[in-house]
Amino acid sequence: MTDATYEKGVPFRLEELVTVQEKAVVSRTIVDRPTGNATLFSFDKGQALSEHTAPYDALVHVLSGRVEIRLGGVPHTLEPGDALVMPADVPHALKALEPFKMFLVMIRS
């Protein structure tokens, strides 16, 4: 299945712009500016991002599936419609509990 396309100024569905690929983490940048970015991600079940930090706050919005996000060592299970702000400089890690998609917005200023 090919990821859908989008055009600025025309409505689209975020979830349709990225597909889950077997044993992979996929990302697609929607907006990338010096002041911040907006990126879609898809994770196959069991795929993860190891613990890391970012110098800016990041907003995660789960579009489909379920994910465990460990934030400062505390696990949070998120489902479709759930959102979480990951504060700057706080260690966090993600693990897909099932295939899932998320929208990540990071503001750099």
C-alpha atoms as a PDB file:
ATOM      1  CA  MET A   1       0.000   0.000   0.000  1.00  0.00           C
ATOM      2  CA  THR A   2       1.337   3.422  -0.919  1.00  0.00           C
ATOM      3  CA  ASP A   3       1.153   6.313   1.517  1.00  0.00           C
ATOM      4  CA  ALA A   4      -1.450   8.912   0.583  1.00  0.00           C
ATOM      5  CA  THR A   5      -0.416  12.339  -0.664  1.00  0.00           C
ATOM      6  CA  TYR A   6      -1.475  15.716   0.634  1.00  0.00           C
ATOM      7  CA  GLU A   7      -1.581  19.259  -0.613  1.00  0.00           C
ATOM      8  CA  LYS A   8      -1.281  22.426   1.438  1.00  0.00           C
ATOM      9  CA  GLY A   9      -4.645  24.155   1.803  1.00  0.00           C
ATOM     10  CA  VAL A  10      -6.598  20.940   1.113  1.00  0.00           C
ATOM     11  CA  PRO A  11      -8.039  18.788   3.953  1.00  0.00           C
ATOM     12  CA  PHE A  12      -6.503  15.345   4.480  1.00  0.00           C
ATOM     13  CA  ARG A  13      -6.445  12.577   7.106  1.00  0.00           C
ATOM     14  CA  LEU A  14      -3.169  12.246   9.009  1.00  0.00           C
ATOM     15  CA  GLU A  15      -3.564   8.508   9.547  1.00  0.00           C
ATOM     16  CA  GLU A  16      -3.672   7.894   5.791  1.00  0.00           C
ATOM     17  CA  LEU A  17      -0.311   9.567   5.156  1.00  0.00           C
ATOM     18  CA  VAL A  18       1.820   6.810   6.699  1.00  0.00           C
ATOM     19  CA  THR A  19       1.518   3.012   6.681  1.00  0.00           C
ATOM     20  CA  VAL A  20       2.729   0.432   9.160  1.00  0.00           C
ATOM     21  CA  GLN A  21       5.530  -1.661   7.676  1.00  0.00           C
ATOM     22  CA  GLU A  22       6.525  -5.074   9.000  1.00  0.00           C
ATOM     23  CA  LYS A  23       9.254  -4.912  11.663  1.00  0.00           C
ATOM     24  CA  ALA A  24       9.843  -1.209  11.014  1.00  0.00           C
ATOM     25  CA  VAL A  25       9.458   2.322  12.303  1.00  0.00           C
ATOM     26  CA  VAL A  26       8.409   4.729   9.552  1.00  0.00           C
ATOM     27  CA  SER A  27       8.367   8.522   9.698  1.00  0.00           C
ATOM     28  CA  ARG A  28       7.004  11.184   7.385  1.00  0.00           C
ATOM     29  CA  THR A  29       7.605  14.881   7.982  1.00  0.00           C
ATOM     30  CA  ILE A  30       4.568  17.039   7.266  1.00  0.00           C
ATOM     31  CA  VAL A  31       5.973  20.431   8.330  1.00  0.00           C
ATOM     32  CA  ASP A  32       9.648  21.229   8.932  1.00  0.00           C
ATOM     33  CA  ARG A  33      10.613  24.758   9.882  1.00  0.00           C
ATOM     34  CA  PRO A  34      13.424  26.272  11.965  1.00  0.00           C
ATOM     35  CA  THR A  35      10.879  26.921  14.748  1.00  0.00           C
ATOM     36  CA  GLY A  36       9.459  23.386  14.845  1.00  0.00           C
ATOM     37  CA  ASN A  37       8.248  20.334  12.995  1.00  0.00           C
ATOM     38  CA  ALA A  38       5.266  18.009  12.683  1.00  0.00           C
ATOM     39  CA  THR A  39       5.977  14.373  11.875  1.00  0.00           C
ATOM     40  CA  LEU A  40       3.885  11.239  11.452  1.00  0.00           C
ATOM     41  CA  PHE A  41       5.239   7.919  12.690  1.00  0.00           C
ATOM     42  CA  SER A  42       4.122   4.330  12.353  1.00  0.00           C
ATOM     43  CA  PHE A  43       5.514   1.429  14.370  1.00  0.00           C
ATOM     44  CA  ASP A  44       4.947  -2.270  13.868  1.00  0.00           C
ATOM     45  CA  LYS A  45       4.128  -4.265  17.005  1.00  0.00           C
ATOM     46  CA  GLY A  46       7.186  -4.602  19.230  1.00  0.00           C
ATOM     47  CA  GLN A  47       9.144  -1.837  17.531  1.00  0.00           C
ATOM     48  CA  ALA A  48      10.607   0.738  19.891  1.00  0.00           C
ATOM     49  CA  LEU A  49      12.663   3.858  20.343  1.00  0.00           C
ATOM     50  CA  SER A  50      15.226   3.504  23.104  1.00  0.00           C
ATOM     51  CA  GLU A  51      15.372   5.986  25.955  1.00  0.00           C
ATOM     52  CA  HIS A  52      16.552   9.416  24.860  1.00  0.00           C
ATOM     53  CA  THR A  53      15.958  13.104  25.545  1.00  0.00           C
ATOM     54  CA  ALA A  54      15.063  16.055  23.349  1.00  0.00           C
ATOM     55  CA  PRO A  55      15.906  19.698  24.025  1.00  0.00           C
ATOM     56  CA  TYR A  56      12.311  20.801  23.314  1.00  0.00           C
ATOM     57  CA  ASP A  57       8.804  19.874  24.469  1.00  0.00           C
ATOM     58  CA  ALA A  58       7.071  17.422  22.131  1.00  0.00           C
ATOM     59  CA  LEU A  59       3.352  16.686  21.789  1.00  0.00           C
ATOM     60  CA  VAL A  60       2.409  13.106  20.884  1.00  0.00           C
ATOM     61  CA  HIS A  61      -1.089  12.335  19.592  1.00  0.00           C
ATOM     62  CA  VAL A  62      -1.922   8.651  19.000  1.00  0.00           C
ATOM     63  CA  LEU A  63      -3.911   8.097  15.804  1.00  0.00           C
ATOM     64  CA  SER A  64      -4.304   4.300  15.920  1.00  0.00           C
ATOM     65  CA  GLY A  65      -3.089   1.301  17.897  1.00  0.00           C
ATOM     66  CA  ARG A  66      -1.516   1.312  21.366  1.00  0.00           C
ATOM     67  CA  VAL A  67       1.892   2.402  22.621  1.00  0.00           C
ATOM     68  CA  GLU A  68       3.712   2.465  25.922  1.00  0.00           C
ATOM     69  CA  ILE A  69       5.620   5.690  26.480  1.00  0.00           C
ATOM     70  CA  ARG A  70       8.004   5.716  29.422  1.00  0.00           C
ATOM     71  CA  LEU A  71       8.446   9.300  30.551  1.00  0.00           C
ATOM     72  CA  GLY A  72      10.961   9.902  33.309  1.00  0.00           C
ATOM     73  CA  GLY A  73      10.787   6.172  34.070  1.00  0.00           C
ATOM     74  CA  VAL A  74       6.981   6.171  34.452  1.00  0.00           C
ATOM     75  CA  PRO A  75       5.057   4.030  31.916  1.00  0.00           C
ATOM     76  CA  HIS A  76       1.974   5.463  30.189  1.00  0.00           C
ATOM     77  CA  THR A  77      -0.216   3.415  27.840  1.00  0.00           C
ATOM     78  CA  LEU A  78      -1.789   5.549  25.134  1.00  0.00           C
ATOM     79  CA  GLU A  79      -4.609   4.618  22.761  1.00  0.00           C
ATOM     80  CA  PRO A  80      -6.244   6.362  19.786  1.00  0.00           C
ATOM     81  CA  GLY A  81      -7.189   9.920  20.675  1.00  0.00           C
ATOM     82  CA  ASP A  82      -4.795  10.100  23.628  1.00  0.00           C
ATOM     83  CA  ALA A  83      -2.124  12.781  23.748  1.00  0.00           C
ATOM     84  CA  LEU A  84       0.911  13.419  25.922  1.00  0.00           C
ATOM     85  CA  VAL A  85       3.345  16.313  26.193  1.00  0.00           C
ATOM     86  CA  MET A  86       6.871  15.046  26.692  1.00  0.00           C
ATOM     87  CA  PRO A  87       8.783  17.836  28.465  1.00  0.00           C
ATOM     88  CA  ALA A  88      12.183  18.949  27.226  1.00  0.00           C
ATOM     89  CA  ASP A  89      15.175  17.130  28.705  1.00  0.00           C
ATOM     90  CA  VAL A  90      13.088  14.373  30.367  1.00  0.00           C
ATOM     91  CA  PRO A  91      14.176  10.871  29.286  1.00  0.00           C
ATOM     92  CA  HIS A  92      11.523   9.017  27.308  1.00  0.00           C
ATOM     93  CA  ALA A  93      11.175   5.776  25.349  1.00  0.00           C
ATOM     94  CA  LEU A  94       8.423   4.263  23.193  1.00  0.00           C
ATOM     95  CA  LYS A  95       7.330   0.666  22.533  1.00  0.00           C
ATOM     96  CA  ALA A  96       4.504  -0.384  20.221  1.00  0.00           C
ATOM     97  CA  LEU A  97       2.121  -2.708  22.067  1.00  0.00           C
ATOM     98  CA  GLU A  98       0.434  -3.313  18.706  1.00  0.00           C
ATOM     99  CA  PRO A  99       0.881  -1.653  15.309  1.00  0.00           C
ATOM    100  CA  PHE A 100       0.315   2.053  15.904  1.00  0.00           C
ATOM    101  CA  LYS A 101       0.542   5.508  14.353  1.00  0.00           C
ATOM    102  CA  MET A 102       1.241   8.820  16.031  1.00  0.00           C
ATOM    103  CA  PHE A 103       1.548  12.475  15.163  1.00  0.00           C
ATOM    104  CA  LEU A 104       4.460  14.281  16.856  1.00  0.00           C
ATOM    105  CA  VAL A 105       4.706  18.062  17.060  1.00  0.00           C
ATOM    106  CA  MET A 106       7.904  19.663  18.360  1.00  0.00           C
ATOM    107  CA  ILE A 107       8.190  23.409  18.842  1.00  0.00           C
ATOM    108  CA  ARG A 108      11.765  24.697  18.977  1.00  0.00           C
ATOM    109  CA  SER A 109      11.119  28.263  20.069  1.00  0.00           C
END
